[in-house]
C-alpha atoms as a PDB file:
ATOM      1  CA  MET A   1     119.151 105.055 103.954  1.00  0.00           C
ATOM      2  CA  PRO A   2     119.086 102.738 100.926  1.00  0.00           C
ATOM      3  CA  LEU A   3     115.827 102.831  98.968  1.00  0.00           C
ATOM      4  CA  VAL A   4     114.799 100.200  96.427  1.00  0.00           C
ATOM      5  CA  ARG A   5     111.746 100.828  94.260  1.00  0.00           C
ATOM      6  CA  VAL A   6     110.049  98.027  92.319  1.00  0.00           C
ATOM      7  CA  GLU A   7     107.326  98.929  89.826  1.00  0.00           C
ATOM      8  CA  LEU A   8     105.313  96.363  87.915  1.00  0.00           C
ATOM      9  CA  PHE A   9     101.822  95.599  86.674  1.00  0.00           C
ATOM     10  CA  GLU A  10      99.264  95.489  89.473  1.00  0.00           C
ATOM     11  CA  ARG A  11      97.834  92.207  88.186  1.00  0.00           C
ATOM     12  CA  ARG A  12     101.091  90.426  89.057  1.00  0.00           C
ATOM     13  CA  LEU A  13     101.059  91.436  92.716  1.00  0.00           C
ATOM     14  CA  THR A  14      99.848  89.343  95.609  1.00  0.00           C
ATOM     15  CA  PRO A  15     100.585  89.902  99.290  1.00  0.00           C
ATOM     16  CA  GLU A  16     102.905  86.885  99.217  1.00  0.00           C
ATOM     17  CA  LEU A  17     104.820  88.182  96.188  1.00  0.00           C
ATOM     18  CA  GLU A  18     105.150  91.647  97.727  1.00  0.00           C
ATOM     19  CA  ALA A  19     106.614  90.151 100.906  1.00  0.00           C
ATOM     20  CA  GLN A  20     109.024  88.001  98.900  1.00  0.00           C
ATOM     21  CA  LEU A  21     110.160  90.966  96.802  1.00  0.00           C
ATOM     22  CA  ILE A  22     110.792  93.059  99.898  1.00  0.00           C
ATOM     23  CA  GLU A  23     112.763  90.289 101.588  1.00  0.00           C
ATOM     24  CA  ARG A  24     114.899  89.349  98.599  1.00  0.00           C
ATOM     25  CA  MET A  25     115.566  92.894  97.434  1.00  0.00           C
ATOM     26  CA  THR A  26     116.726  93.762 100.930  1.00  0.00           C
ATOM     27  CA  GLU A  27     118.926  90.668 101.205  1.00  0.00           C
ATOM     28  CA  THR A  28     120.470  91.233  97.766  1.00  0.00           C
ATOM     29  CA  LEU A  29     121.227  94.889  98.408  1.00  0.00           C
ATOM     30  CA  LEU A  30     122.884  94.138 101.751  1.00  0.00           C
ATOM     31  CA  GLU A  31     124.939  91.355 100.176  1.00  0.00           C
ATOM     32  CA  VAL A  32     126.127  93.516  97.272  1.00  0.00           C
ATOM     33  CA  LEU A  33     126.994  96.390  99.596  1.00  0.00           C
ATOM     34  CA  ASP A  34     128.528  93.999 102.133  1.00  0.00           C
ATOM     35  CA  ALA A  35     126.662  96.008 104.747  1.00  0.00           C
ATOM     36  CA  PRO A  36     124.339  93.873 106.876  1.00  0.00           C
ATOM     37  CA  GLU A  37     124.204  96.693 109.396  1.00  0.00           C
ATOM     38  CA  LEU A  38     121.995  98.647 106.973  1.00  0.00           C
ATOM     39  CA  LYS A  39     119.111  96.165 107.214  1.00  0.00           C
ATOM     40  CA  SER A  40     117.058  98.275 109.622  1.00  0.00           C
ATOM     41  CA  HIS A  41     117.673 101.345 107.462  1.00  0.00           C
ATOM     42  CA  THR A  42     116.751  99.793 104.105  1.00  0.00           C
ATOM     43  CA  TRP A  43     113.418 100.659 102.515  1.00  0.00           C
ATOM     44  CA  VAL A  44     111.753  98.724  99.695  1.00  0.00           C
ATOM     45  CA  ILE A  45     108.730 100.191  97.924  1.00  0.00           C
ATOM     46  CA  VAL A  46     106.625  97.870  95.767  1.00  0.00           C
ATOM     47  CA  GLU A  47     104.246  99.706  93.476  1.00  0.00           C
ATOM     48  CA  GLY A  48     101.640  98.204  91.186  1.00  0.00           C
ATOM     49  CA  HIS A  49     100.327 100.059  88.169  1.00  0.00           C
ATOM     50  CA  ASP A  50      97.513  99.462  85.702  1.00  0.00           C
ATOM     51  CA  ALA A  51      98.823  98.323  82.330  1.00  0.00           C
ATOM     52  CA  HIS A  52      97.088 101.204  80.571  1.00  0.00           C
ATOM     53  CA  ARG A  53      99.373 103.604  82.458  1.00  0.00           C
ATOM     54  CA  TRP A  54     102.500 102.038  80.954  1.00  0.00           C
ATOM     55  CA  GLY A  55     103.532 102.609  77.381  1.00  0.00           C
ATOM     56  CA  ARG A  56     105.933 101.122  74.914  1.00  0.00           C
ATOM     57  CA  ASN A  57     106.350 101.392  71.161  1.00  0.00           C
ATOM     58  CA  ALA A  58     104.420 104.714  71.295  1.00  0.00           C
ATOM     59  CA  LYS A  59     101.267 102.977  72.574  1.00  0.00           C
ATOM     60  CA  PRO A  60      99.747 102.074  75.926  1.00  0.00           C
ATOM     61  CA  TRP A  61     100.908  98.600  76.932  1.00  0.00           C
ATOM     62  CA  ASP A  62      97.401  97.089  76.941  1.00  0.00           C
ATOM     63  CA  GLU A  63      96.776  98.380  73.388  1.00  0.00           C
ATOM     64  CA  GLY A  64      99.596  96.519  71.732  1.00  0.00           C
ATOM     65  CA  GLY A  65     102.611  98.352  73.044  1.00  0.00           C
ATOM     66  CA  ASP A  66     104.514  95.099  73.347  1.00  0.00           C
END
């Protein structure tokens, strides 16, 4: 059971983008594995997070952690 997890800022997500990510991540994984038979067993999880829950440069992202 392949599992692909995509995490990004919530503000970037739309239903259309989520569907596109799921489709393309699935297609890419099956192509790289050369295993089209795994399509019905492949899971893609798209998670959106608030920017203040991400950190970089020792600061929350939305406080200058760029």
